[in-house]
Amino acid sequence: MDTDVLDVPHATAGVVSPTVTLPVADGTSLLGTWRSVVLVDLNRDNPRRSVRLSFVGG
């Protein structure tokens, strides 16, 4: 087994944040014109994933 391939998800986690704060107003995201939310998973060993959303009123 190639250990370099197994290190990719761990190295990526150090560069790409595992969390994001997304401002929303009146049910619409307040992202800029060229911004988007992207989910990236480089670990193919476990195909099952979950995404947690938390909403904080303000």
C-alpha atoms as a PDB file:
ATOM      1  CA  MET A   1       0.000   0.000   0.000  1.00  0.00           C
ATOM      2  CA  ASP A   2       1.327   3.441  -0.942  1.00  0.00           C
ATOM      3  CA  THR A   3       1.535   5.541   2.232  1.00  0.00           C
ATOM      4  CA  ASP A   4       1.907   8.766   0.230  1.00  0.00           C
ATOM      5  CA  VAL A   5      -1.664   8.344  -1.033  1.00  0.00           C
ATOM      6  CA  LEU A   6      -2.928   7.938   2.537  1.00  0.00           C
ATOM      7  CA  ASP A   7      -1.191  11.164   3.615  1.00  0.00           C
ATOM      8  CA  VAL A   8      -3.011  13.354   1.060  1.00  0.00           C
ATOM      9  CA  PRO A   9      -6.252  13.816   3.099  1.00  0.00           C
ATOM     10  CA  HIS A  10      -4.260  14.656   6.228  1.00  0.00           C
ATOM     11  CA  ALA A  11      -2.061  17.178   4.421  1.00  0.00           C
ATOM     12  CA  THR A  12      -5.084  18.752   2.721  1.00  0.00           C
ATOM     13  CA  ALA A  13      -6.840  19.217   6.070  1.00  0.00           C
ATOM     14  CA  GLY A  14      -3.943  21.428   7.104  1.00  0.00           C
ATOM     15  CA  VAL A  15      -4.478  23.697   4.094  1.00  0.00           C
ATOM     16  CA  VAL A  16      -8.257  23.628   3.591  1.00  0.00           C
ATOM     17  CA  SER A  17     -10.456  24.534   6.551  1.00  0.00           C
ATOM     18  CA  PRO A  18     -12.840  21.780   7.722  1.00  0.00           C
ATOM     19  CA  THR A  19     -15.378  24.425   8.793  1.00  0.00           C
ATOM     20  CA  VAL A  20     -16.912  27.503   7.222  1.00  0.00           C
ATOM     21  CA  THR A  21     -19.095  30.363   8.429  1.00  0.00           C
ATOM     22  CA  LEU A  22     -21.644  31.319   5.803  1.00  0.00           C
ATOM     23  CA  PRO A  23     -23.598  34.543   6.335  1.00  0.00           C
ATOM     24  CA  VAL A  24     -27.277  34.323   5.371  1.00  0.00           C
ATOM     25  CA  ALA A  25     -29.911  37.080   5.346  1.00  0.00           C
ATOM     26  CA  ASP A  26     -33.587  36.615   4.477  1.00  0.00           C
ATOM     27  CA  GLY A  27     -32.914  33.035   3.366  1.00  0.00           C
ATOM     28  CA  THR A  28     -30.197  34.024   0.870  1.00  0.00           C
ATOM     29  CA  SER A  29     -26.479  33.397   1.254  1.00  0.00           C
ATOM     30  CA  LEU A  30     -24.378  36.544   1.277  1.00  0.00           C
ATOM     31  CA  LEU A  31     -21.524  35.140  -0.771  1.00  0.00           C
ATOM     32  CA  GLY A  32     -19.747  37.391  -3.233  1.00  0.00           C
ATOM     33  CA  THR A  33     -20.209  37.053  -6.979  1.00  0.00           C
ATOM     34  CA  TRP A  34     -17.253  34.684  -7.467  1.00  0.00           C
ATOM     35  CA  ARG A  35     -17.558  32.756  -4.190  1.00  0.00           C
ATOM     36  CA  SER A  36     -19.113  29.365  -3.548  1.00  0.00           C
ATOM     37  CA  VAL A  37     -19.130  26.579  -0.976  1.00  0.00           C
ATOM     38  CA  VAL A  38     -17.323  23.446  -2.138  1.00  0.00           C
ATOM     39  CA  LEU A  39     -17.178  20.099  -0.345  1.00  0.00           C
ATOM     40  CA  VAL A  40     -13.943  18.205  -1.036  1.00  0.00           C
ATOM     41  CA  ASP A  41     -13.216  14.663   0.092  1.00  0.00           C
ATOM     42  CA  LEU A  42      -9.897  13.122  -0.942  1.00  0.00           C
ATOM     43  CA  ASN A  43     -10.265   9.988   1.186  1.00  0.00           C
ATOM     44  CA  ARG A  44     -11.885   7.285  -0.931  1.00  0.00           C
ATOM     45  CA  ASP A  45     -11.540   4.517   1.667  1.00  0.00           C
ATOM     46  CA  ASN A  46     -14.799   5.423   3.418  1.00  0.00           C
ATOM     47  CA  PRO A  47     -17.573   6.432   0.975  1.00  0.00           C
ATOM     48  CA  ARG A  48     -20.052   7.453   3.703  1.00  0.00           C
ATOM     49  CA  ARG A  49     -19.988  11.114   4.744  1.00  0.00           C
ATOM     50  CA  SER A  50     -22.175  13.506   6.701  1.00  0.00           C
ATOM     51  CA  VAL A  51     -22.476  17.285   6.720  1.00  0.00           C
ATOM     52  CA  ARG A  52     -23.501  19.180   9.847  1.00  0.00           C
ATOM     53  CA  LEU A  53     -25.303  22.502   9.564  1.00  0.00           C
ATOM     54  CA  SER A  54     -25.714  24.771  12.585  1.00  0.00           C
ATOM     55  CA  PHE A  55     -27.808  27.925  12.505  1.00  0.00           C
ATOM     56  CA  VAL A  56     -27.179  30.831  14.853  1.00  0.00           C
ATOM     57  CA  GLY A  57     -29.654  33.703  14.938  1.00  0.00           C
ATOM     58  CA  GLY A  58     -28.326  37.200  15.120  1.00  0.00           C
END
